[in-house]
Amino acid sequence: MGDSYAAALSYGLKDMEPTVVNLADNRLTKKGSRTIINNLKSSILSLNLSQNVIDEAGAGLLGEFAKLKANSLRQLDLENTKLGDVGVISLCKQLLDHPKLATLNLAKNGITDSSCAAISQLITETFYFTTLILYWNYITGDGAAKILNATARYGSMKVLDLSWNSIGRAKTKAFTKQLTETLNTQENIMHLDLSHNKIKREDCKEIAEALEGNHTLWGLHFADNEGYTLDAKGYLVEDTMDVPLGIQHIEHRLGTLEALKKSLKQNRRGQRHVGNCWICEGWSEAAIEFPQIKPNEPVYLNLECDDYKADLMYTEPGAHVLLSLIHIC
């Protein structure tokens, strides 16, 4: 579309009451974006302006629209819109008074740790916030720790994507400390992406130990961090194999809370990249039964998804000839 048709579209929006507006990747510059933002209506539930140029000035204008007019806005997608730290901080301040925002995508906006305090405050003060997408920015472990702390204190956050950042370059161990505490004590986050962050081996070991006692995180992405990989049971294990560069760059994005709920109900396996995420790959619980041929003789189950590692099967109470095992596969 470009800026040349932005004025015509914005004029048409004046006479409409749309609930979903998707203008992603329309070659809009900050001029065209501002023209459209100025004419958006309060009926909008979902707004997608990703892959256009909004910059920090447009972010303030968009935040003002959300604060004063869009009381029903639930989803806001601003991926790759050149916001930078100044724009993100301005937007977050404006969104503090927004009552219903649930999903915010700020990926690929050059965000650094400078924005993390404002993002954290938004998380703690926005009641319905469930999904935050921050992949491909410049957030280190120190900034990510602030965001995790906010999600730990805010019980509705379900989906958090911090992949392709710089968490491994932290000056302190604040991130590892906060993540292990979150895994040990919190039950809200169900889908977490920390892949491609170059998290150091010793930190990965601490995270792996904390993950052993967690039973609420249904989907984890942890590719391309030092020395550890995710196994089929959802635990981090030591890995001596190098991941091929081509696989590292397969794009895989976390979805919204609605998509998460749908994945939990349906068995839909991803076809592009297998990372042992139960949610993205449609894993489900299965009860496996096997007749016991010899009394008191142990029987082990060996599945391909577990690299054929043995799982001891158990005798069902009241059934002396039937062995069973509950497994995610």
Protein backbone atom coordinates (compact mmCIF):
# COMPACT_ATOMS: atom_id res chain seq x y z
CA MET A 1 0.00 0.00 0.00
CA GLY A 2 2.61 2.56 1.02
CA ASP A 3 1.97 6.09 2.26
CA SER A 4 0.20 7.11 -0.97
CA TYR A 5 -2.94 5.14 -0.07
CA ALA A 6 -2.73 5.59 3.69
CA ALA A 7 -4.82 8.77 3.61
CA ALA A 8 -7.56 7.10 1.55
CA LEU A 9 -7.65 4.10 3.87
CA SER A 10 -7.75 6.24 7.00
CA TYR A 11 -10.64 8.23 5.54
CA GLY A 12 -12.54 4.98 5.01
CA LEU A 13 -11.82 3.88 8.58
CA LYS A 14 -13.75 6.89 9.86
CA ASP A 15 -17.01 5.35 8.66
CA MET A 16 -16.27 1.79 9.79
CA GLU A 17 -16.28 -0.06 13.11
CA PRO A 18 -13.63 -2.78 12.50
CA THR A 19 -12.62 -5.15 15.28
CA VAL A 20 -9.51 -6.48 13.51
CA VAL A 21 -7.09 -4.27 11.56
CA ASN A 22 -4.12 -6.00 9.91
CA LEU A 23 -1.80 -3.66 7.99
CA ALA A 24 1.38 -5.70 8.36
CA ASP A 25 4.18 -5.22 5.82
CA ASN A 26 2.50 -2.44 3.82
CA ARG A 27 5.57 -0.24 3.27
CA LEU A 28 4.19 2.44 5.58
CA THR A 29 6.65 5.07 6.77
CA LYS A 30 6.16 7.11 9.93
CA LYS A 31 4.04 9.58 7.96
CA GLY A 32 1.57 6.98 6.67
CA SER A 33 1.48 5.17 10.04
CA ARG A 34 0.56 8.36 11.89
CA THR A 35 -2.20 9.14 9.39
CA ILE A 36 -3.80 5.75 10.00
CA ILE A 37 -3.31 5.80 13.79
CA ASN A 38 -5.05 9.17 14.00
CA ASN A 39 -8.17 7.68 12.38
CA LEU A 40 -8.44 4.35 14.18
CA LYS A 41 -11.72 3.64 15.96
CA SER A 42 -12.39 2.47 19.49
CA SER A 43 -13.99 -0.77 18.25
CA ILE A 44 -10.62 -2.41 17.48
CA LEU A 45 -9.77 -5.62 19.35
CA SER A 46 -6.66 -6.60 17.37
CA LEU A 47 -4.21 -4.24 15.64
CA ASN A 48 -1.25 -5.41 13.54
CA LEU A 49 1.16 -2.76 12.23
CA SER A 50 4.24 -4.99 12.08
CA GLN A 51 6.90 -4.63 9.38
CA ASN A 52 6.16 -0.91 8.92
CA VAL A 53 7.95 2.19 10.21
CA ILE A 54 6.35 3.74 13.29
CA ASP A 55 9.42 4.97 15.27
CA GLU A 56 9.37 6.60 18.70
CA ALA A 57 7.06 9.50 17.76
CA GLY A 58 4.48 7.15 16.27
CA ALA A 59 4.75 4.91 19.34
CA GLY A 60 3.68 7.79 21.58
CA LEU A 61 0.75 8.54 19.30
CA LEU A 62 -0.25 4.87 19.23
CA GLY A 63 -0.02 4.66 23.01
CA GLU A 64 -2.23 7.72 23.34
CA PHE A 65 -4.80 6.12 21.02
CA ALA A 66 -4.81 2.92 23.09
CA LYS A 67 -5.12 4.87 26.32
CA LEU A 68 -7.85 7.31 25.31
CA LYS A 69 -9.87 5.52 22.63
CA ALA A 70 -9.19 1.78 22.32
CA ASN A 71 -10.57 0.51 25.63
CA SER A 72 -11.23 -2.92 24.09
CA LEU A 73 -7.84 -3.48 22.40
CA ARG A 74 -6.62 -7.00 23.23
CA GLN A 75 -3.78 -7.69 20.76
CA LEU A 76 -1.11 -5.27 19.55
CA ASP A 77 1.55 -6.44 17.07
CA LEU A 78 4.42 -3.98 16.51
CA GLU A 79 7.15 -6.36 15.34
CA ASN A 80 9.96 -4.68 13.41
CA THR A 81 8.54 -1.15 13.49
CA LYS A 82 11.76 0.71 14.42
CA LEU A 83 10.53 1.69 17.88
CA GLY A 84 13.84 1.50 19.72
CA ASP A 85 14.12 2.01 23.47
CA VAL A 86 12.65 5.51 23.37
CA GLY A 87 9.54 4.34 21.52
CA VAL A 88 9.02 1.25 23.67
CA ILE A 89 9.33 3.20 26.93
CA SER A 90 6.90 5.84 25.67
CA LEU A 91 4.42 3.18 24.51
CA CYS A 92 4.59 1.21 27.77
CA LYS A 93 3.90 4.31 29.85
CA GLN A 94 0.82 5.06 27.77
CA LEU A 95 -0.41 1.47 28.00
CA LEU A 96 -0.26 1.39 31.81
CA ASP A 97 -3.83 2.61 32.02
CA HIS A 98 -5.09 0.21 29.36
CA PRO A 99 -7.41 -2.28 31.05
CA LYS A 100 -7.65 -5.20 28.60
CA LEU A 101 -4.39 -5.60 26.66
CA ALA A 102 -3.53 -9.33 26.57
CA THR A 103 -0.91 -9.77 23.81
CA LEU A 104 1.99 -7.47 22.90
CA ASN A 105 4.60 -8.20 20.21
CA LEU A 106 7.71 -5.98 20.36
CA ALA A 107 10.09 -8.31 18.50
CA LYS A 108 12.88 -6.95 16.27
CA ASN A 109 12.77 -3.39 17.62
CA GLY A 110 16.34 -2.92 18.82
CA ILE A 111 15.28 -3.10 22.47
CA THR A 112 18.02 -3.11 25.12
CA ASP A 113 17.98 -3.41 28.90
CA SER A 114 16.98 0.26 29.06
CA SER A 115 13.41 -0.70 28.14
CA CYS A 116 13.04 -3.59 30.57
CA ALA A 117 11.94 -1.56 33.59
CA ALA A 118 9.07 -0.01 31.59
CA ILE A 119 8.09 -3.41 30.15
CA SER A 120 8.16 -4.95 33.64
CA GLN A 121 5.93 -2.24 35.03
CA LEU A 122 3.48 -2.80 32.19
CA ILE A 123 3.35 -6.52 33.00
CA THR A 124 2.59 -5.95 36.66
CA GLU A 125 -0.07 -3.30 36.09
CA THR A 126 -1.98 -4.72 33.10
CA PHE A 127 -4.51 -7.14 34.53
CA TYR A 128 -5.18 -9.36 31.48
CA PHE A 129 -1.61 -9.55 30.12
CA THR A 130 -0.96 -13.16 28.96
CA THR A 131 1.50 -13.04 26.03
CA LEU A 132 4.72 -11.06 25.54
CA ILE A 133 6.90 -11.52 22.42
CA LEU A 134 10.40 -9.99 22.60
CA TYR A 135 12.54 -12.13 20.30
CA TRP A 136 15.45 -10.76 18.26
CA ASN A 137 16.35 -7.77 20.43
CA TYR A 138 19.44 -6.86 22.50
CA ILE A 139 18.20 -7.76 25.98
CA THR A 140 20.88 -9.21 28.28
CA GLY A 141 20.34 -11.41 31.30
CA ASP A 142 20.11 -8.38 33.59
CA GLY A 143 17.16 -6.93 31.68
CA ALA A 144 15.54 -10.33 31.20
CA ALA A 145 15.72 -10.89 34.98
CA LYS A 146 13.52 -7.81 35.52
CA ILE A 147 10.94 -9.14 33.07
CA LEU A 148 10.95 -12.60 34.67
CA ASN A 149 10.55 -11.05 38.10
CA ALA A 150 7.50 -9.17 36.87
CA THR A 151 5.96 -12.29 35.32
CA ALA A 152 6.59 -14.21 38.55
CA ARG A 153 4.63 -11.61 40.52
CA TYR A 154 1.87 -11.38 37.91
CA GLY A 155 -0.17 -14.57 37.79
CA SER A 156 -1.78 -14.24 34.33
CA MET A 157 1.35 -14.29 32.14
CA LYS A 158 1.33 -17.56 30.16
CA VAL A 159 3.55 -17.08 27.09
CA LEU A 160 6.98 -15.40 27.07
CA ASP A 161 9.37 -15.32 24.09
CA LEU A 162 12.91 -14.04 24.83
CA SER A 163 14.68 -15.97 22.06
CA TRP A 164 17.46 -14.49 19.94
CA ASN A 165 18.57 -11.98 22.57
CA SER A 166 21.82 -11.63 24.54
CA ILE A 167 20.92 -13.23 27.85
CA GLY A 168 24.26 -15.05 28.03
CA ARG A 169 26.12 -11.72 28.02
CA ALA A 170 24.81 -10.64 31.42
CA LYS A 171 27.13 -8.85 33.85
CA THR A 172 25.53 -10.65 36.81
CA LYS A 173 23.80 -13.97 37.55
CA ALA A 174 20.49 -12.20 38.18
CA PHE A 175 18.74 -13.96 35.29
CA THR A 176 19.73 -17.48 36.34
CA LYS A 177 18.76 -16.76 39.95
CA GLN A 178 15.38 -15.33 38.92
CA LEU A 179 14.61 -18.12 36.43
CA THR A 180 15.43 -20.91 38.89
CA GLU A 181 13.28 -19.21 41.51
CA THR A 182 10.45 -18.83 39.01
CA LEU A 183 10.67 -22.49 37.98
CA ASN A 184 10.66 -23.60 41.62
CA THR A 185 7.82 -21.45 42.90
CA GLN A 186 5.59 -20.17 40.10
CA GLU A 187 2.87 -21.94 38.13
CA ASN A 188 1.72 -19.30 35.66
CA ILE A 189 4.11 -19.50 32.68
CA MET A 190 3.21 -22.41 30.37
CA HIS A 191 5.25 -21.59 27.24
CA LEU A 192 8.78 -20.15 27.37
CA ASP A 193 11.33 -19.57 24.61
CA LEU A 194 14.96 -18.95 25.67
CA SER A 195 16.61 -20.36 22.56
CA HIS A 196 19.60 -18.76 20.82
CA ASN A 197 20.80 -16.75 23.80
CA LYS A 198 24.26 -18.28 24.35
CA ILE A 199 23.46 -18.96 27.99
CA LYS A 200 26.63 -20.28 29.65
CA ARG A 201 27.03 -23.95 30.55
CA GLU A 202 27.16 -23.40 34.31
CA ASP A 203 23.96 -21.36 34.17
CA CYS A 204 22.28 -24.02 32.00
CA LYS A 205 23.16 -26.60 34.65
CA GLU A 206 21.41 -24.57 37.38
CA ILE A 207 18.36 -24.09 35.14
CA ALA A 208 18.29 -27.83 34.40
CA GLU A 209 18.30 -28.67 38.12
CA ALA A 210 15.45 -26.23 38.81
CA LEU A 211 13.45 -27.61 35.90
CA GLU A 212 13.46 -31.12 37.42
CA GLY A 213 10.96 -30.01 40.06
CA ASN A 214 8.73 -27.99 37.74
CA HIS A 215 5.48 -29.58 36.51
CA THR A 216 3.62 -26.57 35.07
CA LEU A 217 5.85 -25.46 32.17
CA TRP A 218 4.34 -27.34 29.21
CA GLY A 219 6.45 -25.87 26.43
CA LEU A 220 10.14 -24.88 26.54
CA HIS A 221 12.52 -23.87 23.74
CA PHE A 222 16.24 -23.94 24.63
CA ALA A 223 18.19 -24.45 21.41
CA ASP A 224 21.67 -23.00 20.89
CA ASN A 225 22.67 -22.51 24.53
CA GLU A 226 25.90 -23.96 25.86
CA GLY A 227 26.05 -27.68 26.53
CA TYR A 228 22.39 -28.51 27.19
CA THR A 229 19.41 -29.57 25.13
CA LEU A 230 15.76 -30.38 25.82
CA ASP A 231 14.81 -34.05 25.94
CA ALA A 232 11.42 -35.60 25.16
CA LYS A 233 10.37 -35.48 28.83
CA GLY A 234 10.78 -31.70 28.95
CA TYR A 235 14.02 -31.71 30.95
CA LEU A 236 17.38 -30.17 30.08
CA VAL A 237 20.16 -32.72 29.61
CA GLU A 238 23.81 -32.42 28.70
CA ASP A 239 24.42 -32.38 24.97
CA THR A 240 27.75 -32.94 23.26
CA MET A 241 26.41 -32.66 19.70
CA ASP A 242 26.73 -29.46 17.67
CA VAL A 243 23.45 -28.21 16.19
CA PRO A 244 23.78 -27.69 12.41
CA LEU A 245 23.71 -24.03 11.45
CA GLY A 246 20.81 -24.61 9.05
CA ILE A 247 18.60 -25.96 11.84
CA GLN A 248 19.53 -23.07 14.14
CA HIS A 249 18.02 -20.62 11.70
CA ILE A 250 14.69 -22.40 11.16
CA GLU A 251 12.13 -19.81 12.22
CA HIS A 252 9.77 -20.91 14.96
CA ARG A 253 7.61 -18.47 16.87
CA LEU A 254 5.46 -18.84 19.94
CA GLY A 255 1.76 -18.12 19.47
CA THR A 256 -0.84 -16.30 21.52
CA LEU A 257 -2.65 -17.74 24.53
CA GLU A 258 -5.54 -18.72 22.23
CA ALA A 259 -3.12 -20.71 20.04
CA LEU A 260 -1.64 -22.30 23.15
CA LYS A 261 -5.06 -23.48 24.34
CA LYS A 262 -5.80 -24.88 20.89
CA SER A 263 -2.51 -26.79 20.83
CA LEU A 264 -3.25 -28.34 24.21
CA LYS A 265 -6.56 -29.68 22.91
CA GLN A 266 -5.41 -30.89 19.50
CA ASN A 267 -2.61 -33.22 18.44
CA ARG A 268 -0.93 -31.12 15.74
CA ARG A 269 2.72 -31.83 15.20
CA GLY A 270 4.99 -29.13 13.75
CA GLN A 271 6.65 -30.03 10.48
CA ARG A 272 9.50 -27.52 10.32
CA HIS A 273 11.59 -28.03 13.44
CA VAL A 274 11.53 -30.65 16.19
CA GLY A 275 12.66 -29.19 19.52
CA ASN A 276 10.71 -31.39 21.95
CA CYS A 277 8.26 -28.62 22.83
CA TRP A 278 5.09 -30.39 23.93
CA ILE A 279 2.85 -27.48 22.90
CA CYS A 280 4.28 -26.56 19.49
CA GLU A 281 4.61 -30.18 18.39
CA GLY A 282 1.21 -31.30 19.68
CA TRP A 283 2.42 -33.85 22.24
CA SER A 284 -0.26 -35.47 24.38
CA GLU A 285 -0.53 -37.81 27.35
CA ALA A 286 -0.80 -41.52 26.54
CA ALA A 287 -1.43 -44.53 28.78
CA ILE A 288 0.69 -47.49 27.66
CA GLU A 289 -0.21 -50.97 28.93
CA PHE A 290 1.63 -54.27 28.60
CA PRO A 291 0.82 -57.76 29.95
CA GLN A 292 3.19 -59.05 32.62
CA ILE A 293 4.46 -62.42 31.40
CA LYS A 294 6.67 -63.36 34.35
CA PRO A 295 5.69 -62.30 37.90
CA ASN A 296 8.02 -59.81 39.62
CA GLU A 297 10.18 -59.48 36.51
CA PRO A 298 10.75 -55.78 35.64
CA VAL A 299 9.61 -54.59 32.21
CA TYR A 300 11.04 -51.46 30.61
CA LEU A 301 9.57 -49.28 27.87
CA ASN A 302 11.99 -47.95 25.23
CA LEU A 303 10.62 -45.25 22.89
CA GLU A 304 12.28 -43.55 19.95
CA CYS A 305 11.27 -40.10 21.24
CA ASP A 306 13.32 -40.83 24.40
CA ASP A 307 16.33 -42.03 22.39
CA TYR A 308 15.35 -45.52 23.55
CA LYS A 309 16.17 -44.83 27.18
CA ALA A 310 14.49 -47.35 29.46
CA ASP A 311 11.41 -46.43 31.52
CA LEU A 312 10.32 -48.89 34.20
CA MET A 313 6.65 -49.91 33.89
CA TYR A 314 4.51 -50.34 37.00
CA THR A 315 1.87 -52.83 38.09
CA GLU A 316 -1.63 -51.41 38.10
CA PRO A 317 -3.28 -51.53 41.56
CA GLY A 318 -5.58 -54.56 41.66
CA ALA A 319 -4.30 -55.85 38.29
CA HIS A 320 -1.47 -58.34 38.85
CA VAL A 321 -0.98 -59.16 35.21
CA LEU A 322 -1.04 -55.70 33.65
CA LEU A 323 1.80 -53.19 33.56
CA SER A 324 1.24 -49.52 32.69
CA LEU A 325 3.03 -46.23 32.19
CA ILE A 326 1.74 -42.70 31.59
CA HIS A 327 3.91 -40.98 28.98
CA ILE A 328 3.91 -37.77 26.95
CA CYS A 329 4.51 -38.55 23.29
